[in-house]
Structures are given as C-alpha cells and as structure tokens.
Amino acid sequence: MEKKPIKRNAHIVKLSKDHHASLLFCWKLRQGIKYHVAIGRLVKYVQYFWAHHFYAHFKEEEEFLFKPVQDEVVQKAIDDHQKIKTFIDQVGFSGTEKENALLELVELVDQHVRYEERILFPHLEKKLSDEQLEIIEKQINTEPWMDNYEDHFWTKSSSL
C-alpha cells in the first residue's frame, strides 16, 4: 500500500518545506554517528542548525501560525519546541553520553516534525480560515532555507 503525500494548504507549504530540512538534519546526524564522526563536529552542526534554521522556524510558527488557535494540539507543538531548544542548549555539555544525547535529539526532532505534519497542520487547516492562512503566509519568510554548512560530515569521504 503506497502512502500518498500529504496535501498541504498552499499558504503554509513553506513551513512543510522547512520540515523537510529538519528531517535532513536528522538524517545527517544519524549518518555522522554511523560514520563515527567526532562528536564535536556534530555538536557544531546542531548549533549551526539552531542558529540558522530552527530558531526562525519555531519563532514564525509560534508567532503567526499557532497564535490564533490556543488548544492542546497547538500547546503540544509549543512544548516540543521548548524541549528541542532546551536539548540543543544542553548538547554542548561534556561527558561520554553525547552520542546518546544526539540520537535522542534526532528522535525528538523527527517525532515533532511528523506530529506537526500529520496532526497539527491538518488541525490548523480546519480551524483557520483561508483568509487567516493567507495572512500567515504573508508574515512568514518565504525564502527557502539553504543548508550551507561547510563540513559535510554526513558523506563517508568527508567523515574521516
């Protein structure tokens, strides 16, 4: 049985594209761990990704998309954002458990993206009018996010 792609309202499709970048972030970290890349290199990528992607994405969602609907479905996404932020703030800690912490972060991000795509966004598309979604689209940054990180640790040849 083939899964069909989720049809997203055109006004928030940019946020779904951001989610694709977040899933690539998870894949890259998994690859880095698989290739035994130095944890410091992976932590630097996590910090880069926070500063150049997650921070703005979370802010746009919380300020524009989530604000009109305040219920438990939206609150879970806000709580997830806070957990991810807290985790990233702590990912620079010292100790031997960094690899496990990175894997836990990857799972947290992966589950969050899937929650937003499968549950939250369809919920908001039902709750918000097309006019509200159009206003939200005008408020969010429509430039596609480009991952310009120079250390391609996720490719086997550069992971050594």
C-alpha atoms as a PDB file:
ATOM      1  CA  MET A   1       0.000   0.000   0.000  1.00  0.00           C
ATOM      2  CA  GLU A   2       1.599   3.212  -1.195  1.00  0.00           C
ATOM      3  CA  LYS A   3       1.388   6.281   1.034  1.00  0.00           C
ATOM      4  CA  LYS A   4       0.299   9.425  -0.755  1.00  0.00           C
ATOM      5  CA  PRO A   5       1.985  12.727   0.086  1.00  0.00           C
ATOM      6  CA  ILE A   6       0.077  14.959   2.444  1.00  0.00           C
ATOM      7  CA  LYS A   7      -1.738  17.736   0.585  1.00  0.00           C
ATOM      8  CA  ARG A   8      -0.833  20.948   2.391  1.00  0.00           C
ATOM      9  CA  ASN A   9      -2.659  24.254   2.196  1.00  0.00           C
ATOM     10  CA  ALA A  10      -0.688  26.436  -0.223  1.00  0.00           C
ATOM     11  CA  HIS A  11      -0.399  29.217   2.363  1.00  0.00           C
ATOM     12  CA  ILE A  12       1.656  27.097   4.765  1.00  0.00           C
ATOM     13  CA  VAL A  13       3.526  24.865   2.325  1.00  0.00           C
ATOM     14  CA  LYS A  14       6.735  26.821   3.077  1.00  0.00           C
ATOM     15  CA  LEU A  15       6.599  25.529   6.661  1.00  0.00           C
ATOM     16  CA  SER A  16       6.329  21.968   5.350  1.00  0.00           C
ATOM     17  CA  LYS A  17       9.400  22.580   3.202  1.00  0.00           C
ATOM     18  CA  ASP A  18      11.172  23.748   6.358  1.00  0.00           C
ATOM     19  CA  HIS A  19      10.197  20.424   7.894  1.00  0.00           C
ATOM     20  CA  HIS A  20      11.934  18.633   5.059  1.00  0.00           C
ATOM     21  CA  ALA A  21      15.116  20.493   6.006  1.00  0.00           C
ATOM     22  CA  SER A  22      14.610  19.380   9.615  1.00  0.00           C
ATOM     23  CA  LEU A  23      14.281  15.740   8.566  1.00  0.00           C
ATOM     24  CA  LEU A  24      17.502  16.104   6.543  1.00  0.00           C
ATOM     25  CA  PHE A  25      19.141  17.482   9.708  1.00  0.00           C
ATOM     26  CA  CYS A  26      18.132  14.257  11.487  1.00  0.00           C
ATOM     27  CA  TRP A  27      19.430  12.099   8.645  1.00  0.00           C
ATOM     28  CA  LYS A  28      22.757  13.951   8.537  1.00  0.00           C
ATOM     29  CA  LEU A  29      23.302  13.488  12.270  1.00  0.00           C
ATOM     30  CA  ARG A  30      22.425   9.796  12.032  1.00  0.00           C
ATOM     31  CA  GLN A  31      24.932   9.430   9.196  1.00  0.00           C
ATOM     32  CA  GLY A  32      27.575  11.278  11.185  1.00  0.00           C
ATOM     33  CA  ILE A  33      27.070   8.935  14.133  1.00  0.00           C
ATOM     34  CA  LYS A  34      27.091   5.907  11.837  1.00  0.00           C
ATOM     35  CA  TYR A  35      30.416   7.053  10.360  1.00  0.00           C
ATOM     36  CA  HIS A  36      31.869   7.704  13.851  1.00  0.00           C
ATOM     37  CA  VAL A  37      32.378  11.406  13.193  1.00  0.00           C
ATOM     38  CA  ALA A  38      33.891  13.293  16.137  1.00  0.00           C
ATOM     39  CA  ILE A  39      31.058  14.406  18.416  1.00  0.00           C
ATOM     40  CA  GLY A  40      32.402  17.967  18.454  1.00  0.00           C
ATOM     41  CA  ARG A  41      31.790  18.257  14.713  1.00  0.00           C
ATOM     42  CA  LEU A  42      28.208  17.041  15.143  1.00  0.00           C
ATOM     43  CA  VAL A  43      27.564  19.424  18.040  1.00  0.00           C
ATOM     44  CA  LYS A  44      28.812  22.335  15.910  1.00  0.00           C
ATOM     45  CA  TYR A  45      26.312  21.358  13.211  1.00  0.00           C
ATOM     46  CA  VAL A  46      23.492  21.221  15.772  1.00  0.00           C
ATOM     47  CA  GLN A  47      24.411  24.722  16.951  1.00  0.00           C
ATOM     48  CA  TYR A  48      24.627  25.963  13.348  1.00  0.00           C
ATOM     49  CA  PHE A  49      21.246  24.467  12.514  1.00  0.00           C
ATOM     50  CA  TRP A  50      19.651  26.059  15.573  1.00  0.00           C
ATOM     51  CA  ALA A  51      21.043  29.481  14.766  1.00  0.00           C
ATOM     52  CA  HIS A  52      20.269  29.365  11.026  1.00  0.00           C
ATOM     53  CA  HIS A  53      17.060  27.344  10.836  1.00  0.00           C
ATOM     54  CA  PHE A  54      15.258  26.085  13.944  1.00  0.00           C
ATOM     55  CA  TYR A  55      15.231  29.406  15.774  1.00  0.00           C
ATOM     56  CA  ALA A  56      13.496  31.307  12.941  1.00  0.00           C
ATOM     57  CA  HIS A  57      11.209  28.392  12.058  1.00  0.00           C
ATOM     58  CA  PHE A  58       9.979  27.981  15.639  1.00  0.00           C
ATOM     59  CA  LYS A  59       9.532  31.731  16.005  1.00  0.00           C
ATOM     60  CA  GLU A  60       7.457  32.014  12.810  1.00  0.00           C
ATOM     61  CA  GLU A  61       5.248  29.094  13.765  1.00  0.00           C
ATOM     62  CA  GLU A  62       4.671  30.318  17.305  1.00  0.00           C
ATOM     63  CA  GLU A  63       4.150  33.983  16.415  1.00  0.00           C
ATOM     64  CA  PHE A  64       1.999  33.567  13.342  1.00  0.00           C
ATOM     65  CA  LEU A  65       0.601  30.063  12.831  1.00  0.00           C
ATOM     66  CA  PHE A  66      -0.077  28.942  16.405  1.00  0.00           C
ATOM     67  CA  LYS A  67      -1.311  32.215  17.897  1.00  0.00           C
ATOM     68  CA  PRO A  68      -4.894  32.179  16.511  1.00  0.00           C
ATOM     69  CA  VAL A  69      -5.610  28.688  17.901  1.00  0.00           C
ATOM     70  CA  GLN A  70      -4.863  28.002  21.533  1.00  0.00           C
ATOM     71  CA  ASP A  71      -5.682  24.406  22.342  1.00  0.00           C
ATOM     72  CA  GLU A  72      -3.941  21.218  23.456  1.00  0.00           C
ATOM     73  CA  VAL A  73      -2.886  20.287  19.900  1.00  0.00           C
ATOM     74  CA  VAL A  74      -1.056  23.605  19.471  1.00  0.00           C
ATOM     75  CA  GLN A  75       0.268  23.508  23.042  1.00  0.00           C
ATOM     76  CA  LYS A  76       1.967  20.163  22.383  1.00  0.00           C
ATOM     77  CA  ALA A  77       3.860  21.714  19.449  1.00  0.00           C
ATOM     78  CA  ILE A  78       4.911  24.682  21.601  1.00  0.00           C
ATOM     79  CA  ASP A  79       6.050  22.288  24.334  1.00  0.00           C
ATOM     80  CA  ASP A  80       8.009  20.283  21.740  1.00  0.00           C
ATOM     81  CA  HIS A  81       9.727  23.468  20.555  1.00  0.00           C
ATOM     82  CA  GLN A  82      10.771  24.212  24.129  1.00  0.00           C
ATOM     83  CA  LYS A  83      12.074  20.661  24.639  1.00  0.00           C
ATOM     84  CA  ILE A  84      14.114  20.870  21.431  1.00  0.00           C
ATOM     85  CA  LYS A  85      15.512  24.289  22.381  1.00  0.00           C
ATOM     86  CA  THR A  86      16.435  23.072  25.866  1.00  0.00           C
ATOM     87  CA  PHE A  87      18.049  19.969  24.420  1.00  0.00           C
ATOM     88  CA  ILE A  88      20.105  21.991  21.962  1.00  0.00           C
ATOM     89  CA  ASP A  89      21.166  24.389  24.723  1.00  0.00           C
ATOM     90  CA  GLN A  90      22.462  21.376  26.665  1.00  0.00           C
ATOM     91  CA  VAL A  91      24.004  19.436  23.757  1.00  0.00           C
ATOM     92  CA  GLY A  92      27.355  21.146  24.312  1.00  0.00           C
ATOM     93  CA  PHE A  93      27.754  19.547  27.737  1.00  0.00           C
ATOM     94  CA  SER A  94      30.808  17.426  28.449  1.00  0.00           C
ATOM     95  CA  GLY A  95      30.767  13.724  29.144  1.00  0.00           C
ATOM     96  CA  THR A  96      30.582  10.382  27.444  1.00  0.00           C
ATOM     97  CA  GLU A  97      26.849  10.399  26.714  1.00  0.00           C
ATOM     98  CA  LYS A  98      26.924  12.939  23.873  1.00  0.00           C
ATOM     99  CA  GLU A  99      26.250  10.370  21.155  1.00  0.00           C
ATOM    100  CA  ASN A 100      23.165   9.110  23.000  1.00  0.00           C
ATOM    101  CA  ALA A 101      22.058  12.702  23.596  1.00  0.00           C
ATOM    102  CA  LEU A 102      22.408  13.480  19.882  1.00  0.00           C
ATOM    103  CA  LEU A 103      20.389  10.391  18.980  1.00  0.00           C
ATOM    104  CA  GLU A 104      17.739  11.454  21.481  1.00  0.00           C
ATOM    105  CA  LEU A 105      17.659  14.932  19.915  1.00  0.00           C
ATOM    106  CA  VAL A 106      17.297  13.392  16.453  1.00  0.00           C
ATOM    107  CA  GLU A 107      14.337  11.295  17.637  1.00  0.00           C
ATOM    108  CA  LEU A 108      12.747  14.311  19.321  1.00  0.00           C
ATOM    109  CA  VAL A 109      13.024  16.435  16.157  1.00  0.00           C
ATOM    110  CA  ASP A 110      11.861  13.588  13.917  1.00  0.00           C
ATOM    111  CA  GLN A 111       8.789  12.871  16.059  1.00  0.00           C
ATOM    112  CA  HIS A 112       7.982  16.574  16.331  1.00  0.00           C
ATOM    113  CA  VAL A 113       8.104  17.146  12.571  1.00  0.00           C
ATOM    114  CA  ARG A 114       5.880  14.139  11.970  1.00  0.00           C
ATOM    115  CA  TYR A 115       3.442  15.368  14.638  1.00  0.00           C
ATOM    116  CA  GLU A 116       3.196  18.783  13.029  1.00  0.00           C
ATOM    117  CA  GLU A 117       2.754  17.368   9.524  1.00  0.00           C
ATOM    118  CA  ARG A 118       0.283  14.597  10.374  1.00  0.00           C
ATOM    119  CA  ILE A 119      -1.701  16.092  13.260  1.00  0.00           C
ATOM    120  CA  LEU A 120      -1.073  19.783  13.904  1.00  0.00           C
ATOM    121  CA  PHE A 121      -1.136  21.205  10.372  1.00  0.00           C
ATOM    122  CA  PRO A 122      -4.333  19.367   9.341  1.00  0.00           C
ATOM    123  CA  HIS A 123      -5.882  20.518  12.634  1.00  0.00           C
ATOM    124  CA  LEU A 124      -4.935  24.146  11.956  1.00  0.00           C
ATOM    125  CA  GLU A 125      -6.099  23.938   8.339  1.00  0.00           C
ATOM    126  CA  LYS A 126      -9.541  23.018   9.682  1.00  0.00           C
ATOM    127  CA  LYS A 127      -9.554  25.658  12.425  1.00  0.00           C
ATOM    128  CA  LEU A 128      -8.186  28.605  10.441  1.00  0.00           C
ATOM    129  CA  SER A 129      -9.953  30.274   7.552  1.00  0.00           C
ATOM    130  CA  ASP A 130      -8.289  30.626   4.168  1.00  0.00           C
ATOM    131  CA  GLU A 131      -8.051  34.365   4.848  1.00  0.00           C
ATOM    132  CA  GLN A 132      -6.201  33.736   8.116  1.00  0.00           C
ATOM    133  CA  LEU A 133      -3.834  31.301   6.392  1.00  0.00           C
ATOM    134  CA  GLU A 134      -3.191  33.851   3.642  1.00  0.00           C
ATOM    135  CA  ILE A 135      -2.251  36.472   6.249  1.00  0.00           C
ATOM    136  CA  ILE A 136       0.071  33.955   7.917  1.00  0.00           C
ATOM    137  CA  GLU A 137       1.740  33.240   4.586  1.00  0.00           C
ATOM    138  CA  LYS A 138       2.475  36.948   4.147  1.00  0.00           C
ATOM    139  CA  GLN A 139       4.048  37.098   7.628  1.00  0.00           C
ATOM    140  CA  ILE A 140       6.435  34.171   7.257  1.00  0.00           C
ATOM    141  CA  ASN A 141       9.730  34.276   5.402  1.00  0.00           C
ATOM    142  CA  THR A 142       9.152  32.693   2.009  1.00  0.00           C
ATOM    143  CA  GLU A 143      12.822  32.357   1.114  1.00  0.00           C
ATOM    144  CA  PRO A 144      13.758  28.670   1.001  1.00  0.00           C
ATOM    145  CA  TRP A 145      16.293  27.741   3.652  1.00  0.00           C
ATOM    146  CA  MET A 146      19.654  26.630   2.314  1.00  0.00           C
ATOM    147  CA  ASP A 147      21.951  24.459   4.403  1.00  0.00           C
ATOM    148  CA  ASN A 148      25.330  25.979   3.581  1.00  0.00           C
ATOM    149  CA  TYR A 149      27.227  24.165   6.303  1.00  0.00           C
ATOM    150  CA  GLU A 150      30.746  23.586   5.018  1.00  0.00           C
ATOM    151  CA  ASP A 151      31.636  20.411   6.929  1.00  0.00           C
ATOM    152  CA  HIS A 152      29.866  17.618   5.044  1.00  0.00           C
ATOM    153  CA  PHE A 153      30.454  15.083   7.817  1.00  0.00           C
ATOM    154  CA  TRP A 154      27.455  13.047   6.652  1.00  0.00           C
ATOM    155  CA  THR A 155      29.242  11.879   3.500  1.00  0.00           C
ATOM    156  CA  LYS A 156      31.520   8.930   4.004  1.00  0.00           C
ATOM    157  CA  SER A 157      34.580  10.501   2.356  1.00  0.00           C
ATOM    158  CA  SER A 158      34.449  13.664   4.493  1.00  0.00           C
ATOM    159  CA  SER A 159      33.591  11.911   7.753  1.00  0.00           C
ATOM    160  CA  LEU A 160      37.094  10.579   8.311  1.00  0.00           C
END
